[in-house]
Amino acid sequence: MSNTPEELFAAEQKQSEIDHHVPTAGAMVNHIVSNFTVLDAKLHQVRWYVKGLSAPAIQTVYTKLIQENRDHYDEIGDLLLDENEKPASTTDEYSEYSMIGENGKNKYFTAEAMVDETVQDFVTQNLFVDRAIKLAEKENRPTLRNTMEKLRGDDNHAIRVLQSLVGNDAGEGLEDDDEDDED
């Protein structure tokens, strides 16, 4: 006897609640998938609303970041399916699981503030990527771990490129966050 769509979804929701309280690599990566959807909107917001002499350069970088973000979204969603996980697939789930905030007022920020906000989004994303790497290692899930390590490298590259747009070195202004973690 096969389960109805309602029963299957209820079972998925129940497992999601369990994973939320006892994090797994799959659950952590699901947060990352959800972050991609919010990040997509935020990247578009900057590309559409950035003003000033640096706007053309910023728009070019953001066009590339949008495509990379969408590629990651598809790649990692497929990986979750390959790993017998259920990636988030509704806007309600994305809103619930995303750890990247958004705000309509950001479209009125200066170009530098917009870029700084995006840098912080990638830093936030990396917190989840690092946690997913550790969980995947603990759960002996090498493909998941390797994909997360590649994403970490891609995120670090994005941070460096974004920081350069506003005249900063890759970690400039981020050291304080790292020092707090060491205490």
N, C-alpha and C. Protein backbone atom coordinates (compact mmCIF):
# COMPACT_ATOMS: atom_id res chain seq x y z
N MET A 1 0.85 -1.18 0.00
CA MET A 1 0.00 0.00 0.00
C MET A 1 0.89 1.24 0.00
N SER A 2 0.68 2.14 -0.94
CA SER A 2 1.50 3.34 -1.01
C SER A 2 0.89 4.45 -0.17
N ASN A 3 1.76 5.29 0.31
CA ASN A 3 1.32 6.42 1.12
C ASN A 3 0.79 7.53 0.22
N THR A 4 -0.12 8.33 0.75
CA THR A 4 -0.65 9.48 0.02
C THR A 4 0.38 10.61 0.08
N PRO A 5 0.27 11.58 -0.81
CA PRO A 5 1.16 12.74 -0.72
C PRO A 5 1.09 13.42 0.65
N GLU A 6 -0.10 13.47 1.23
CA GLU A 6 -0.26 14.09 2.54
C GLU A 6 0.52 13.33 3.61
N GLU A 7 0.46 12.00 3.56
CA GLU A 7 1.18 11.18 4.54
C GLU A 7 2.70 11.30 4.36
N LEU A 8 3.13 11.31 3.12
CA LEU A 8 4.55 11.45 2.85
C LEU A 8 5.08 12.80 3.34
N PHE A 9 4.31 13.85 3.08
CA PHE A 9 4.73 15.18 3.51
C PHE A 9 4.72 15.29 5.03
N ALA A 10 3.74 14.71 5.69
CA ALA A 10 3.69 14.72 7.16
C ALA A 10 4.91 14.00 7.74
N ALA A 11 5.31 12.89 7.14
CA ALA A 11 6.49 12.17 7.60
C ALA A 11 7.75 13.01 7.40
N GLU A 12 7.82 13.71 6.28
CA GLU A 12 8.95 14.59 6.00
C GLU A 12 9.02 15.71 7.04
N GLN A 13 7.88 16.30 7.34
CA GLN A 13 7.83 17.38 8.34
C GLN A 13 8.27 16.87 9.71
N LYS A 14 7.83 15.68 10.07
CA LYS A 14 8.20 15.09 11.36
C LYS A 14 9.72 14.88 11.42
N GLN A 15 10.30 14.34 10.35
CA GLN A 15 11.75 14.13 10.31
C GLN A 15 12.49 15.46 10.36
N SER A 16 11.97 16.46 9.70
CA SER A 16 12.57 17.79 9.71
C SER A 16 12.60 18.36 11.12
N GLU A 17 11.55 18.16 11.86
CA GLU A 17 11.49 18.63 13.25
C GLU A 17 12.54 17.92 14.10
N ILE A 18 12.71 16.64 13.90
CA ILE A 18 13.73 15.87 14.62
C ILE A 18 15.11 16.39 14.25
N ASP A 19 15.38 16.58 12.94
CA ASP A 19 16.68 17.07 12.48
C ASP A 19 16.98 18.46 13.01
N HIS A 20 15.94 19.27 13.20
CA HIS A 20 16.14 20.62 13.69
C HIS A 20 16.67 20.61 15.12
N HIS A 21 16.27 19.62 15.90
CA HIS A 21 16.70 19.54 17.30
C HIS A 21 18.00 18.76 17.46
N VAL A 22 18.27 17.82 16.58
CA VAL A 22 19.51 17.06 16.59
C VAL A 22 20.10 17.19 15.18
N PRO A 23 20.90 18.22 14.95
CA PRO A 23 21.36 18.52 13.59
C PRO A 23 22.10 17.37 12.93
N THR A 24 21.80 17.19 11.67
CA THR A 24 22.51 16.24 10.82
C THR A 24 23.16 17.02 9.69
N ALA A 25 24.06 16.39 8.99
CA ALA A 25 24.68 17.05 7.84
C ALA A 25 23.61 17.44 6.82
N GLY A 26 22.68 16.53 6.56
CA GLY A 26 21.62 16.82 5.59
C GLY A 26 20.77 18.00 6.01
N ALA A 27 20.42 18.07 7.29
CA ALA A 27 19.61 19.20 7.78
C ALA A 27 20.39 20.51 7.67
N MET A 28 21.68 20.46 7.98
CA MET A 28 22.49 21.68 7.90
C MET A 28 22.60 22.14 6.45
N VAL A 29 22.77 21.20 5.53
CA VAL A 29 22.85 21.55 4.11
C VAL A 29 21.50 22.08 3.62
N ASN A 30 20.42 21.62 4.20
CA ASN A 30 19.11 22.14 3.83
C ASN A 30 18.98 23.62 4.21
N HIS A 31 19.59 24.01 5.33
CA HIS A 31 19.64 25.44 5.68
C HIS A 31 20.38 26.21 4.58
N ILE A 32 21.45 25.63 4.09
CA ILE A 32 22.25 26.27 3.05
C ILE A 32 21.44 26.42 1.76
N VAL A 33 20.71 25.39 1.38
CA VAL A 33 19.85 25.47 0.19
C VAL A 33 18.84 26.61 0.36
N SER A 34 18.27 26.71 1.53
CA SER A 34 17.31 27.79 1.80
C SER A 34 17.99 29.15 1.75
N ASN A 35 19.21 29.22 2.27
CA ASN A 35 19.96 30.48 2.21
C ASN A 35 20.16 30.92 0.76
N PHE A 36 20.38 29.95 -0.13
CA PHE A 36 20.58 30.31 -1.55
C PHE A 36 19.39 31.08 -2.11
N THR A 37 18.18 30.71 -1.72
CA THR A 37 17.00 31.37 -2.29
C THR A 37 16.88 32.81 -1.80
N VAL A 38 17.15 33.02 -0.52
CA VAL A 38 17.11 34.39 0.01
C VAL A 38 18.27 35.20 -0.56
N LEU A 39 19.44 34.57 -0.64
CA LEU A 39 20.60 35.26 -1.21
C LEU A 39 20.34 35.67 -2.66
N ASP A 40 19.64 34.84 -3.42
CA ASP A 40 19.31 35.18 -4.80
C ASP A 40 18.53 36.50 -4.86
N ALA A 41 17.53 36.63 -4.01
CA ALA A 41 16.74 37.87 -3.98
C ALA A 41 17.61 39.06 -3.58
N LYS A 42 18.47 38.84 -2.59
CA LYS A 42 19.32 39.95 -2.12
C LYS A 42 20.36 40.35 -3.15
N LEU A 43 20.91 39.39 -3.87
CA LEU A 43 21.87 39.72 -4.92
C LEU A 43 21.19 40.52 -6.03
N HIS A 44 19.98 40.14 -6.38
CA HIS A 44 19.22 40.90 -7.37
C HIS A 44 18.93 42.31 -6.87
N GLN A 45 18.58 42.42 -5.61
CA GLN A 45 18.28 43.73 -5.04
C GLN A 45 19.47 44.68 -5.23
N VAL A 46 20.67 44.20 -4.95
CA VAL A 46 21.86 45.04 -5.14
C VAL A 46 22.05 45.36 -6.61
N ARG A 47 21.98 44.34 -7.46
CA ARG A 47 22.21 44.57 -8.90
C ARG A 47 21.22 45.60 -9.46
N TRP A 48 19.99 45.53 -9.02
CA TRP A 48 18.97 46.44 -9.52
C TRP A 48 19.07 47.87 -8.94
N TYR A 49 19.45 47.99 -7.68
CA TYR A 49 19.35 49.27 -7.00
C TYR A 49 20.66 49.99 -6.72
N VAL A 50 21.79 49.38 -6.98
CA VAL A 50 23.06 50.04 -6.67
C VAL A 50 23.21 51.30 -7.52
N LYS A 51 23.75 52.33 -6.90
CA LYS A 51 23.91 53.63 -7.57
C LYS A 51 25.36 54.10 -7.41
N GLY A 52 25.74 55.03 -8.24
CA GLY A 52 27.05 55.66 -8.11
C GLY A 52 28.01 55.24 -9.22
N LEU A 53 29.19 55.83 -9.14
CA LEU A 53 30.19 55.59 -10.18
C LEU A 53 30.63 54.12 -10.24
N SER A 54 30.56 53.43 -9.10
CA SER A 54 30.99 52.03 -9.08
C SER A 54 29.88 51.06 -9.48
N ALA A 55 28.68 51.57 -9.75
CA ALA A 55 27.53 50.71 -10.05
C ALA A 55 27.80 49.73 -11.20
N PRO A 56 28.36 50.16 -12.34
CA PRO A 56 28.57 49.19 -13.42
C PRO A 56 29.48 48.02 -13.02
N ALA A 57 30.53 48.29 -12.29
CA ALA A 57 31.44 47.22 -11.84
C ALA A 57 30.73 46.30 -10.86
N ILE A 58 29.98 46.88 -9.95
CA ILE A 58 29.25 46.08 -8.95
C ILE A 58 28.19 45.22 -9.64
N GLN A 59 27.48 45.80 -10.59
CA GLN A 59 26.45 45.03 -11.30
C GLN A 59 27.05 43.85 -12.04
N THR A 60 28.22 44.03 -12.63
CA THR A 60 28.89 42.94 -13.33
C THR A 60 29.24 41.81 -12.36
N VAL A 61 29.79 42.15 -11.21
CA VAL A 61 30.15 41.15 -10.21
C VAL A 61 28.89 40.44 -9.71
N TYR A 62 27.84 41.19 -9.47
CA TYR A 62 26.61 40.59 -8.93
C TYR A 62 25.91 39.70 -9.95
N THR A 63 26.00 40.04 -11.22
CA THR A 63 25.44 39.16 -12.25
C THR A 63 26.12 37.80 -12.20
N LYS A 64 27.44 37.81 -12.03
CA LYS A 64 28.18 36.54 -11.91
C LYS A 64 27.82 35.82 -10.61
N LEU A 65 27.71 36.55 -9.51
CA LEU A 65 27.36 35.93 -8.23
C LEU A 65 25.97 35.30 -8.28
N ILE A 66 25.05 35.94 -8.96
CA ILE A 66 23.69 35.38 -9.11
C ILE A 66 23.76 34.04 -9.82
N GLN A 67 24.51 33.97 -10.91
CA GLN A 67 24.61 32.72 -11.66
C GLN A 67 25.29 31.64 -10.82
N GLU A 68 26.36 31.99 -10.13
CA GLU A 68 27.05 31.01 -9.28
C GLU A 68 26.14 30.51 -8.17
N ASN A 69 25.39 31.43 -7.57
CA ASN A 69 24.46 31.06 -6.50
C ASN A 69 23.41 30.08 -7.01
N ARG A 70 22.88 30.36 -8.19
CA ARG A 70 21.87 29.46 -8.78
C ARG A 70 22.47 28.10 -9.14
N ASP A 71 23.69 28.10 -9.61
CA ASP A 71 24.37 26.83 -9.90
C ASP A 71 24.55 26.01 -8.62
N HIS A 72 24.97 26.67 -7.55
CA HIS A 72 25.13 25.98 -6.26
C HIS A 72 23.79 25.43 -5.77
N TYR A 73 22.75 26.21 -5.92
CA TYR A 73 21.40 25.80 -5.49
C TYR A 73 21.01 24.49 -6.16
N ASP A 74 21.18 24.42 -7.49
CA ASP A 74 20.83 23.20 -8.22
C ASP A 74 21.76 22.04 -7.86
N GLU A 75 23.05 22.30 -7.83
CA GLU A 75 24.03 21.25 -7.54
C GLU A 75 23.80 20.65 -6.15
N ILE A 76 23.59 21.49 -5.17
CA ILE A 76 23.47 20.99 -3.80
C ILE A 76 22.08 20.41 -3.55
N GLY A 77 21.06 20.94 -4.19
CA GLY A 77 19.74 20.31 -4.11
C GLY A 77 19.78 18.90 -4.68
N ASP A 78 20.44 18.74 -5.84
CA ASP A 78 20.60 17.40 -6.43
C ASP A 78 21.42 16.49 -5.52
N LEU A 79 22.47 17.03 -4.93
CA LEU A 79 23.30 16.24 -4.03
C LEU A 79 22.48 15.73 -2.84
N LEU A 80 21.63 16.58 -2.28
CA LEU A 80 20.79 16.13 -1.18
C LEU A 80 19.90 14.96 -1.62
N LEU A 81 19.33 15.06 -2.79
CA LEU A 81 18.52 13.95 -3.31
C LEU A 81 19.37 12.69 -3.48
N ASP A 82 20.59 12.86 -4.00
CA ASP A 82 21.50 11.72 -4.16
C ASP A 82 21.83 11.08 -2.80
N GLU A 83 21.84 11.90 -1.77
CA GLU A 83 22.17 11.44 -0.42
C GLU A 83 20.92 10.98 0.34
N ASN A 84 19.83 10.80 -0.38
CA ASN A 84 18.56 10.34 0.20
C ASN A 84 17.97 11.34 1.20
N GLU A 85 18.16 12.60 0.92
CA GLU A 85 17.61 13.69 1.73
C GLU A 85 16.52 14.40 0.92
N LYS A 86 15.72 15.19 1.58
CA LYS A 86 14.67 15.97 0.93
C LYS A 86 15.01 17.47 1.04
N PRO A 87 15.52 18.06 -0.03
CA PRO A 87 15.82 19.49 0.05
C PRO A 87 14.54 20.32 0.14
N ALA A 88 14.63 21.44 0.85
CA ALA A 88 13.52 22.37 0.91
C ALA A 88 13.13 22.74 -0.52
N SER A 89 11.81 22.92 -0.74
CA SER A 89 11.37 23.21 -2.11
C SER A 89 10.19 24.16 -2.18
N THR A 90 9.83 24.76 -1.05
CA THR A 90 8.74 25.74 -1.06
C THR A 90 9.22 27.04 -0.42
N THR A 91 8.57 28.13 -0.77
CA THR A 91 8.96 29.41 -0.18
C THR A 91 8.75 29.42 1.33
N ASP A 92 7.73 28.71 1.82
CA ASP A 92 7.54 28.60 3.27
C ASP A 92 8.74 27.92 3.93
N GLU A 93 9.21 26.83 3.32
CA GLU A 93 10.37 26.13 3.87
C GLU A 93 11.62 27.02 3.79
N TYR A 94 11.81 27.71 2.69
CA TYR A 94 12.97 28.58 2.55
C TYR A 94 12.94 29.65 3.64
N SER A 95 11.78 30.24 3.88
CA SER A 95 11.66 31.27 4.91
C SER A 95 11.96 30.70 6.29
N GLU A 96 11.48 29.50 6.54
CA GLU A 96 11.69 28.88 7.85
C GLU A 96 13.15 28.49 8.08
N TYR A 97 13.81 27.96 7.06
CA TYR A 97 15.14 27.40 7.24
C TYR A 97 16.29 28.35 6.93
N SER A 98 16.03 29.41 6.17
CA SER A 98 17.11 30.33 5.83
C SER A 98 17.60 31.07 7.06
N MET A 99 18.89 31.23 7.14
CA MET A 99 19.51 31.97 8.23
C MET A 99 20.07 33.30 7.75
N ILE A 100 19.72 33.67 6.54
CA ILE A 100 20.11 34.97 5.99
C ILE A 100 18.87 35.84 5.99
N GLY A 101 18.96 36.97 6.64
CA GLY A 101 17.82 37.89 6.71
C GLY A 101 17.77 38.81 5.50
N GLU A 102 16.58 39.36 5.29
CA GLU A 102 16.44 40.32 4.20
C GLU A 102 15.60 41.49 4.68
N ASN A 103 15.76 42.62 3.99
CA ASN A 103 15.06 43.82 4.39
C ASN A 103 14.92 44.74 3.18
N GLY A 104 13.73 45.19 2.91
CA GLY A 104 13.47 46.05 1.77
C GLY A 104 14.22 47.38 1.81
N LYS A 105 14.59 47.82 3.00
CA LYS A 105 15.30 49.11 3.10
C LYS A 105 16.70 49.04 2.51
N ASN A 106 17.24 47.82 2.34
CA ASN A 106 18.61 47.68 1.84
C ASN A 106 18.79 48.31 0.47
N LYS A 107 17.72 48.42 -0.31
CA LYS A 107 17.84 49.01 -1.65
C LYS A 107 18.20 50.49 -1.59
N TYR A 108 18.09 51.10 -0.41
CA TYR A 108 18.43 52.51 -0.25
C TYR A 108 19.83 52.71 0.33
N PHE A 109 20.53 51.62 0.61
CA PHE A 109 21.89 51.71 1.14
C PHE A 109 22.83 52.28 0.09
N THR A 110 23.97 52.77 0.56
CA THR A 110 25.03 53.16 -0.36
C THR A 110 25.59 51.89 -1.00
N ALA A 111 26.32 52.06 -2.09
CA ALA A 111 26.93 50.91 -2.76
C ALA A 111 27.82 50.14 -1.78
N GLU A 112 28.61 50.85 -1.00
CA GLU A 112 29.51 50.18 -0.05
C GLU A 112 28.72 49.40 1.00
N ALA A 113 27.66 49.97 1.51
CA ALA A 113 26.85 49.28 2.52
C ALA A 113 26.17 48.04 1.92
N MET A 114 25.74 48.15 0.66
CA MET A 114 25.14 46.99 -0.01
C MET A 114 26.14 45.84 -0.12
N VAL A 115 27.35 46.18 -0.54
CA VAL A 115 28.39 45.17 -0.69
C VAL A 115 28.75 44.58 0.68
N ASP A 116 28.88 45.43 1.70
CA ASP A 116 29.16 44.95 3.05
C ASP A 116 28.10 43.97 3.54
N GLU A 117 26.85 44.27 3.25
CA GLU A 117 25.74 43.38 3.63
C GLU A 117 25.91 42.01 2.96
N THR A 118 26.29 42.02 1.69
CA THR A 118 26.49 40.76 0.98
C THR A 118 27.66 39.97 1.55
N VAL A 119 28.73 40.67 1.90
CA VAL A 119 29.87 40.00 2.54
C VAL A 119 29.40 39.29 3.81
N GLN A 120 28.61 39.99 4.62
CA GLN A 120 28.11 39.38 5.86
C GLN A 120 27.23 38.16 5.57
N ASP A 121 26.48 38.21 4.49
CA ASP A 121 25.66 37.05 4.11
C ASP A 121 26.54 35.84 3.80
N PHE A 122 27.64 36.06 3.09
CA PHE A 122 28.55 34.95 2.79
C PHE A 122 29.25 34.46 4.06
N VAL A 123 29.56 35.36 4.97
CA VAL A 123 30.16 34.96 6.25
C VAL A 123 29.16 34.09 7.03
N THR A 124 27.90 34.52 7.07
CA THR A 124 26.86 33.73 7.73
C THR A 124 26.73 32.36 7.07
N GLN A 125 26.70 32.35 5.74
CA GLN A 125 26.61 31.09 5.01
C GLN A 125 27.76 30.16 5.41
N ASN A 126 28.95 30.71 5.54
CA ASN A 126 30.11 29.89 5.88
C ASN A 126 30.00 29.25 7.26
N LEU A 127 29.29 29.88 8.18
CA LEU A 127 29.07 29.26 9.49
C LEU A 127 28.33 27.94 9.32
N PHE A 128 27.35 27.92 8.44
CA PHE A 128 26.57 26.71 8.19
C PHE A 128 27.36 25.70 7.35
N VAL A 129 28.15 26.19 6.43
CA VAL A 129 28.99 25.31 5.62
C VAL A 129 29.99 24.60 6.52
N ASP A 130 30.64 25.35 7.42
CA ASP A 130 31.61 24.74 8.32
C ASP A 130 30.96 23.68 9.21
N ARG A 131 29.78 23.98 9.70
CA ARG A 131 29.06 23.01 10.53
C ARG A 131 28.68 21.77 9.70
N ALA A 132 28.25 21.98 8.47
CA ALA A 132 27.89 20.85 7.59
C ALA A 132 29.11 19.98 7.31
N ILE A 133 30.27 20.60 7.12
CA ILE A 133 31.50 19.83 6.88
C ILE A 133 31.79 18.93 8.08
N LYS A 134 31.72 19.48 9.28
CA LYS A 134 32.00 18.70 10.49
C LYS A 134 30.99 17.56 10.66
N LEU A 135 29.72 17.85 10.42
CA LEU A 135 28.70 16.81 10.56
C LEU A 135 28.85 15.73 9.49
N ALA A 136 29.16 16.14 8.27
CA ALA A 136 29.35 15.15 7.20
C ALA A 136 30.55 14.26 7.50
N GLU A 137 31.60 14.83 8.04
CA GLU A 137 32.77 14.04 8.42
C GLU A 137 32.38 13.05 9.52
N LYS A 138 31.68 13.53 10.52
CA LYS A 138 31.25 12.67 11.64
C LYS A 138 30.33 11.55 11.16
N GLU A 139 29.48 11.84 10.17
CA GLU A 139 28.52 10.87 9.65
C GLU A 139 29.09 10.02 8.50
N ASN A 140 30.38 10.22 8.21
CA ASN A 140 31.05 9.50 7.13
C ASN A 140 30.31 9.66 5.79
N ARG A 141 30.13 10.91 5.41
CA ARG A 141 29.46 11.26 4.15
C ARG A 141 30.45 12.08 3.31
N PRO A 142 31.41 11.38 2.68
CA PRO A 142 32.49 12.10 1.99
C PRO A 142 32.05 12.98 0.83
N THR A 143 31.06 12.57 0.08
CA THR A 143 30.62 13.40 -1.05
C THR A 143 30.02 14.71 -0.55
N LEU A 144 29.22 14.62 0.48
CA LEU A 144 28.63 15.82 1.08
C LEU A 144 29.73 16.73 1.64
N ARG A 145 30.68 16.13 2.34
CA ARG A 145 31.79 16.90 2.91
C ARG A 145 32.58 17.59 1.80
N ASN A 146 32.93 16.85 0.75
CA ASN A 146 33.73 17.43 -0.33
C ASN A 146 33.00 18.58 -1.03
N THR A 147 31.71 18.42 -1.24
CA THR A 147 30.93 19.48 -1.88
C THR A 147 30.88 20.72 -1.00
N MET A 148 30.73 20.52 0.30
CA MET A 148 30.71 21.65 1.23
C MET A 148 32.07 22.34 1.30
N GLU A 149 33.14 21.56 1.20
CA GLU A 149 34.47 22.17 1.20
C GLU A 149 34.67 23.03 -0.06
N LYS A 150 34.17 22.56 -1.19
CA LYS A 150 34.26 23.35 -2.43
C LYS A 150 33.42 24.62 -2.30
N LEU A 151 32.22 24.49 -1.72
CA LEU A 151 31.37 25.67 -1.51
C LEU A 151 32.08 26.67 -0.61
N ARG A 152 32.76 26.19 0.43
CA ARG A 152 33.49 27.09 1.34
C ARG A 152 34.52 27.88 0.56
N GLY A 153 35.24 27.21 -0.33
CA GLY A 153 36.22 27.90 -1.16
C GLY A 153 35.58 28.92 -2.09
N ASP A 154 34.46 28.55 -2.69
CA ASP A 154 33.75 29.49 -3.57
C ASP A 154 33.24 30.70 -2.78
N ASP A 155 32.72 30.45 -1.58
CA ASP A 155 32.25 31.56 -0.73
C ASP A 155 33.40 32.47 -0.34
N ASN A 156 34.55 31.88 0.00
CA ASN A 156 35.71 32.68 0.36
C ASN A 156 36.15 33.55 -0.82
N HIS A 157 36.10 32.99 -2.03
CA HIS A 157 36.46 33.76 -3.23
C HIS A 157 35.48 34.92 -3.41
N ALA A 158 34.20 34.66 -3.24
CA ALA A 158 33.19 35.72 -3.37
C ALA A 158 33.45 36.82 -2.35
N ILE A 159 33.78 36.45 -1.13
CA ILE A 159 34.08 37.45 -0.09
C ILE A 159 35.26 38.31 -0.52
N ARG A 160 36.32 37.68 -1.03
CA ARG A 160 37.50 38.45 -1.46
C ARG A 160 37.15 39.42 -2.58
N VAL A 161 36.39 38.94 -3.57
CA VAL A 161 36.01 39.80 -4.70
C VAL A 161 35.14 40.96 -4.22
N LEU A 162 34.17 40.67 -3.38
CA LEU A 162 33.30 41.72 -2.85
C LEU A 162 34.09 42.72 -2.01
N GLN A 163 34.96 42.22 -1.18
CA GLN A 163 35.77 43.12 -0.34
C GLN A 163 36.63 44.03 -1.22
N SER A 164 37.15 43.50 -2.32
CA SER A 164 37.99 44.32 -3.20
C SER A 164 37.19 45.45 -3.83
N LEU A 165 35.88 45.23 -4.05
CA LEU A 165 35.04 46.29 -4.63
C LEU A 165 34.99 47.53 -3.75
N VAL A 166 35.12 47.34 -2.45
CA VAL A 166 35.05 48.47 -1.52
C VAL A 166 36.42 48.80 -0.92
N GLY A 167 37.48 48.29 -1.56
CA GLY A 167 38.84 48.65 -1.17
C GLY A 167 39.36 47.91 0.04
N ASN A 168 38.80 46.77 0.36
CA ASN A 168 39.24 46.00 1.52
C ASN A 168 40.00 44.75 1.10
N ASP A 169 40.86 44.26 2.00
CA ASP A 169 41.44 42.93 1.84
C ASP A 169 40.36 41.92 2.21
N ALA A 170 40.57 40.67 1.86
CA ALA A 170 39.54 39.63 2.03
C ALA A 170 38.97 39.57 3.43
N GLY A 171 39.80 39.59 4.46
CA GLY A 171 39.31 39.45 5.82
C GLY A 171 39.12 40.75 6.57
N GLU A 172 39.34 41.86 5.90
CA GLU A 172 39.28 43.16 6.57
C GLU A 172 37.89 43.43 7.13
N GLY A 173 37.86 43.78 8.40
CA GLY A 173 36.58 44.04 9.07
C GLY A 173 35.90 42.78 9.54
N LEU A 174 36.48 41.63 9.22
CA LEU A 174 35.88 40.36 9.63
C LEU A 174 36.67 39.73 10.78
N GLU A 175 37.88 40.24 11.06
CA GLU A 175 38.74 39.66 12.09
C GLU A 175 38.07 39.66 13.46
N ASP A 176 37.30 40.71 13.75
CA ASP A 176 36.64 40.80 15.05
C ASP A 176 35.73 39.61 15.29
N ASP A 177 35.02 39.17 14.23
CA ASP A 177 34.14 38.00 14.35
C ASP A 177 34.95 36.76 14.67
N ASP A 178 36.10 36.60 14.02
CA ASP A 178 36.96 35.43 14.26
C ASP A 178 37.52 35.44 15.67
N GLU A 179 37.91 36.63 16.16
CA GLU A 179 38.47 36.72 17.50
C GLU A 179 37.43 36.35 18.55
N ASP A 180 36.17 36.74 18.33
CA ASP A 180 35.11 36.40 19.28
C ASP A 180 34.93 34.90 19.37
N ASP A 181 35.12 34.20 18.26
CA ASP A 181 34.94 32.74 18.25
C ASP A 181 36.04 32.04 19.05
N GLU A 182 37.22 32.67 19.16
CA GLU A 182 38.33 32.03 19.85
C GLU A 182 38.23 32.15 21.36
N ASP A 183 37.46 33.10 21.86
CA ASP A 183 37.36 33.29 23.32
C ASP A 183 36.61 32.18 24.00
